[in-house]
PDB file of N, CA and C in Angstrom:
ATOM      1  N   MET A   1     -20.264  30.241  -3.046  1.00  0.00           N
ATOM      2  CA  MET A   1     -18.994  29.575  -3.297  1.00  0.00           C
ATOM      3  C   MET A   1     -18.736  28.541  -2.199  1.00  0.00           C
ATOM      4  N   LYS A   2     -18.457  27.316  -2.595  1.00  0.00           N
ATOM      5  CA  LYS A   2     -18.184  26.247  -1.639  1.00  0.00           C
ATOM      6  C   LYS A   2     -16.684  26.144  -1.385  1.00  0.00           C
ATOM      7  N   THR A   3     -16.343  25.869  -0.149  1.00  0.00           N
ATOM      8  CA  THR A   3     -14.940  25.617   0.173  1.00  0.00           C
ATOM      9  C   THR A   3     -14.824  24.186   0.660  1.00  0.00           C
ATOM     10  N   LYS A   4     -13.707  23.570   0.347  1.00  0.00           N
ATOM     11  CA  LYS A   4     -13.498  22.186   0.772  1.00  0.00           C
ATOM     12  C   LYS A   4     -13.116  22.154   2.239  1.00  0.00           C
ATOM     13  N   LYS A   5     -13.711  21.217   2.939  1.00  0.00           N
ATOM     14  CA  LYS A   5     -13.388  21.012   4.344  1.00  0.00           C
ATOM     15  C   LYS A   5     -12.096  20.207   4.432  1.00  0.00           C
ATOM     16  N   GLU A   6     -11.205  20.612   5.294  1.00  0.00           N
ATOM     17  CA  GLU A   6      -9.962  19.871   5.471  1.00  0.00           C
ATOM     18  C   GLU A   6     -10.283  18.533   6.147  1.00  0.00           C
ATOM     19  N   LYS A   7      -9.798  17.474   5.571  1.00  0.00           N
ATOM     20  CA  LYS A   7     -10.093  16.133   6.078  1.00  0.00           C
ATOM     21  C   LYS A   7      -9.128  15.738   7.185  1.00  0.00           C
ATOM     22  N   ASP A   8      -9.659  14.974   8.142  1.00  0.00           N
ATOM     23  CA  ASP A   8      -8.806  14.418   9.188  1.00  0.00           C
ATOM     24  C   ASP A   8      -7.994  13.253   8.633  1.00  0.00           C
ATOM     25  N   PHE A   9      -8.596  12.524   7.698  1.00  0.00           N
ATOM     26  CA  PHE A   9      -7.952  11.356   7.116  1.00  0.00           C
ATOM     27  C   PHE A   9      -8.129  11.410   5.607  1.00  0.00           C
ATOM     28  N   ASP A  10      -7.041  11.381   4.877  1.00  0.00           N
ATOM     29  CA  ASP A  10      -7.091  11.413   3.417  1.00  0.00           C
ATOM     30  C   ASP A  10      -6.813  10.005   2.905  1.00  0.00           C
ATOM     31  N   SER A  11      -7.868   9.305   2.508  1.00  0.00           N
ATOM     32  CA  SER A  11      -7.733   7.910   2.103  1.00  0.00           C
ATOM     33  C   SER A  11      -6.881   7.756   0.840  1.00  0.00           C
ATOM     34  N   VAL A  12      -6.986   8.697  -0.090  1.00  0.00           N
ATOM     35  CA  VAL A  12      -6.209   8.603  -1.327  1.00  0.00           C
ATOM     36  C   VAL A  12      -4.719   8.667  -1.013  1.00  0.00           C
ATOM     37  N   ALA A  13      -4.327   9.613  -0.193  1.00  0.00           N
ATOM     38  CA  ALA A  13      -2.909   9.748   0.170  1.00  0.00           C
ATOM     39  C   ALA A  13      -2.433   8.517   0.933  1.00  0.00           C
ATOM     40  N   PHE A  14      -3.281   7.991   1.813  1.00  0.00           N
ATOM     41  CA  PHE A  14      -2.938   6.812   2.604  1.00  0.00           C
ATOM     42  C   PHE A  14      -2.666   5.609   1.701  1.00  0.00           C
ATOM     43  N   PHE A  15      -3.587   5.326   0.782  1.00  0.00           N
ATOM     44  CA  PHE A  15      -3.423   4.156  -0.073  1.00  0.00           C
ATOM     45  C   PHE A  15      -2.311   4.335  -1.107  1.00  0.00           C
ATOM     46  N   ARG A  16      -2.047   5.552  -1.534  1.00  0.00           N
ATOM     47  CA  ARG A  16      -0.908   5.786  -2.424  1.00  0.00           C
ATOM     48  C   ARG A  16       0.396   5.488  -1.689  1.00  0.00           C
ATOM     49  N   ALA A  17       0.479   5.882  -0.434  1.00  0.00           N
ATOM     50  CA  ALA A  17       1.684   5.619   0.353  1.00  0.00           C
ATOM     51  C   ALA A  17       1.886   4.119   0.529  1.00  0.00           C
ATOM     52  N   ILE A  18       0.804   3.379   0.804  1.00  0.00           N
ATOM     53  CA  ILE A  18       0.885   1.920   0.945  1.00  0.00           C
ATOM     54  C   ILE A  18       1.352   1.295  -0.364  1.00  0.00           C
ATOM     55  N   LYS A  19       0.781   1.755  -1.474  1.00  0.00           N
ATOM     56  CA  LYS A  19       1.153   1.222  -2.795  1.00  0.00           C
ATOM     57  C   LYS A  19       2.638   1.433  -3.066  1.00  0.00           C
ATOM     58  N   GLU A  20       3.149   2.603  -2.726  1.00  0.00           N
ATOM     59  CA  GLU A  20       4.566   2.897  -2.948  1.00  0.00           C
ATOM     60  C   GLU A  20       5.459   2.026  -2.070  1.00  0.00           C
ATOM     61  N   LYS A  21       5.041   1.781  -0.824  1.00  0.00           N
ATOM     62  CA  LYS A  21       5.820   0.918   0.077  1.00  0.00           C
ATOM     63  C   LYS A  21       5.851  -0.513  -0.441  1.00  0.00           C
ATOM     64  N   LEU A  22       4.708  -1.006  -0.904  1.00  0.00           N
ATOM     65  CA  LEU A  22       4.653  -2.361  -1.455  1.00  0.00           C
ATOM     66  C   LEU A  22       5.532  -2.472  -2.700  1.00  0.00           C
ATOM     67  N   ALA A  23       5.460  -1.483  -3.558  1.00  0.00           N
ATOM     68  CA  ALA A  23       6.249  -1.502  -4.794  1.00  0.00           C
ATOM     69  C   ALA A  23       7.744  -1.510  -4.473  1.00  0.00           C
ATOM     70  N   ALA A  24       8.148  -0.748  -3.476  1.00  0.00           N
ATOM     71  CA  ALA A  24       9.563  -0.703  -3.103  1.00  0.00           C
ATOM     72  C   ALA A  24      10.026  -2.053  -2.564  1.00  0.00           C
ATOM     73  N   LYS A  25       9.178  -2.723  -1.784  1.00  0.00           N
ATOM     74  CA  LYS A  25       9.554  -4.018  -1.223  1.00  0.00           C
ATOM     75  C   LYS A  25       9.571  -5.111  -2.287  1.00  0.00           C
ATOM     76  N   MET A  26       8.743  -4.983  -3.325  1.00  0.00           N
ATOM     77  CA  MET A  26       8.645  -6.018  -4.350  1.00  0.00           C
ATOM     78  C   MET A  26       9.598  -5.793  -5.521  1.00  0.00           C
ATOM     79  N   GLU A  27      10.317  -4.700  -5.497  1.00  0.00           N
ATOM     80  CA  GLU A  27      11.236  -4.394  -6.600  1.00  0.00           C
ATOM     81  C   GLU A  27      12.273  -5.508  -6.744  1.00  0.00           C
ATOM     82  N   GLY A  28      12.408  -6.004  -7.954  1.00  0.00           N
ATOM     83  CA  GLY A  28      13.387  -7.042  -8.229  1.00  0.00           C
ATOM     84  C   GLY A  28      12.870  -8.459  -8.015  1.00  0.00           C
ATOM     85  N   MET A  29      11.641  -8.614  -7.528  1.00  0.00           N
ATOM     86  CA  MET A  29      11.072  -9.948  -7.307  1.00  0.00           C
ATOM     87  C   MET A  29      10.499 -10.484  -8.612  1.00  0.00           C
ATOM     88  N   THR A  30      10.494 -11.794  -8.730  1.00  0.00           N
ATOM     89  CA  THR A  30       9.813 -12.420  -9.864  1.00  0.00           C
ATOM     90  C   THR A  30       8.310 -12.379  -9.602  1.00  0.00           C
ATOM     91  N   LEU A  31       7.525 -12.709 -10.614  1.00  0.00           N
ATOM     92  CA  LEU A  31       6.070 -12.717 -10.461  1.00  0.00           C
ATOM     93  C   LEU A  31       5.641 -13.685  -9.361  1.00  0.00           C
ATOM     94  N   GLU A  32       6.247 -14.848  -9.319  1.00  0.00           N
ATOM     95  CA  GLU A  32       5.905 -15.834  -8.291  1.00  0.00           C
ATOM     96  C   GLU A  32       6.247 -15.318  -6.892  1.00  0.00           C
ATOM     97  N   GLN A  33       7.387 -14.659  -6.759  1.00  0.00           N
ATOM     98  CA  GLN A  33       7.772 -14.091  -5.474  1.00  0.00           C
ATOM     99  C   GLN A  33       6.809 -12.972  -5.068  1.00  0.00           C
ATOM    100  N   GLN A  34       6.375 -12.170  -6.040  1.00  0.00           N
ATOM    101  CA  GLN A  34       5.422 -11.101  -5.759  1.00  0.00           C
ATOM    102  C   GLN A  34       4.088 -11.673  -5.288  1.00  0.00           C
ATOM    103  N   LYS A  35       3.634 -12.742  -5.945  1.00  0.00           N
ATOM    104  CA  LYS A  35       2.377 -13.375  -5.544  1.00  0.00           C
ATOM    105  C   LYS A  35       2.469 -13.897  -4.115  1.00  0.00           C
ATOM    106  N   GLU A  36       3.566 -14.561  -3.794  1.00  0.00           N
ATOM    107  CA  GLU A  36       3.766 -15.098  -2.452  1.00  0.00           C
ATOM    108  C   GLU A  36       3.828 -13.965  -1.429  1.00  0.00           C
ATOM    109  N   PHE A  37       4.533 -12.891  -1.759  1.00  0.00           N
ATOM    110  CA  PHE A  37       4.646 -11.742  -0.874  1.00  0.00           C
ATOM    111  C   PHE A  37       3.271 -11.128  -0.605  1.00  0.00           C
ATOM    112  N   MET A  38       2.490 -10.903  -1.661  1.00  0.00           N
ATOM    113  CA  MET A  38       1.161 -10.300  -1.503  1.00  0.00           C
ATOM    114  C   MET A  38       0.226 -11.218  -0.718  1.00  0.00           C
ATOM    115  N   TRP A  39       0.363 -12.528  -0.913  1.00  0.00           N
ATOM    116  CA  TRP A  39      -0.449 -13.476  -0.157  1.00  0.00           C
ATOM    117  C   TRP A  39      -0.144 -13.338   1.339  1.00  0.00           C
ATOM    118  N   LYS A  40       1.135 -13.225   1.681  1.00  0.00           N
ATOM    119  CA  LYS A  40       1.531 -13.078   3.083  1.00  0.00           C
ATOM    120  C   LYS A  40       1.043 -11.756   3.660  1.00  0.00           C
ATOM    121  N   VAL A  41       1.053 -10.700   2.855  1.00  0.00           N
ATOM    122  CA  VAL A  41       0.545  -9.403   3.314  1.00  0.00           C
ATOM    123  C   VAL A  41      -0.948  -9.516   3.613  1.00  0.00           C
ATOM    124  N   ARG A  42      -1.702 -10.142   2.709  1.00  0.00           N
ATOM    125  CA  ARG A  42      -3.150 -10.298   2.906  1.00  0.00           C
ATOM    126  C   ARG A  42      -3.472 -11.151   4.119  1.00  0.00           C
ATOM    127  N   GLU A  43      -2.634 -12.159   4.380  1.00  0.00           N
ATOM    128  CA  GLU A  43      -2.858 -13.048   5.521  1.00  0.00           C
ATOM    129  C   GLU A  43      -2.431 -12.399   6.838  1.00  0.00           C
ATOM    130  N   GLY A  44      -1.717 -11.288   6.767  1.00  0.00           N
ATOM    131  CA  GLY A  44      -1.271 -10.610   7.970  1.00  0.00           C
ATOM    132  C   GLY A  44       0.062 -11.095   8.487  1.00  0.00           C
ATOM    133  N   LYS A  45       0.747 -11.932   7.722  1.00  0.00           N
ATOM    134  CA  LYS A  45       2.043 -12.466   8.132  1.00  0.00           C
ATOM    135  C   LYS A  45       3.145 -11.428   7.942  1.00  0.00           C
ATOM    136  N   ILE A  46       2.927 -10.488   7.017  1.00  0.00           N
ATOM    137  CA  ILE A  46       3.874  -9.408   6.769  1.00  0.00           C
ATOM    138  C   ILE A  46       3.109  -8.093   6.950  1.00  0.00           C
ATOM    139  N   LYS A  47       3.662  -7.207   7.747  1.00  0.00           N
ATOM    140  CA  LYS A  47       3.051  -5.907   7.983  1.00  0.00           C
ATOM    141  C   LYS A  47       3.709  -4.867   7.098  1.00  0.00           C
ATOM    142  N   VAL A  48       2.911  -4.012   6.488  1.00  0.00           N
ATOM    143  CA  VAL A  48       3.423  -2.921   5.670  1.00  0.00           C
ATOM    144  C   VAL A  48       3.488  -1.695   6.572  1.00  0.00           C
ATOM    145  N   VAL A  49       4.708  -1.273   6.861  1.00  0.00           N
ATOM    146  CA  VAL A  49       4.887  -0.141   7.782  1.00  0.00           C
ATOM    147  C   VAL A  49       5.363   1.066   7.031  1.00  0.00           C
TER     148      VAL A  49
END
């Protein structure tokens, strides 16, 4: 019987949390505003905390 090793870092949980934070910040934005926001996030101008 195999047991799962407890992970130090859970990437799925990490990226789900990031996705939820982004969704909360983009709520109510138009598509163009969302595109601009995501562009700034990718460029590092906006930090997702």
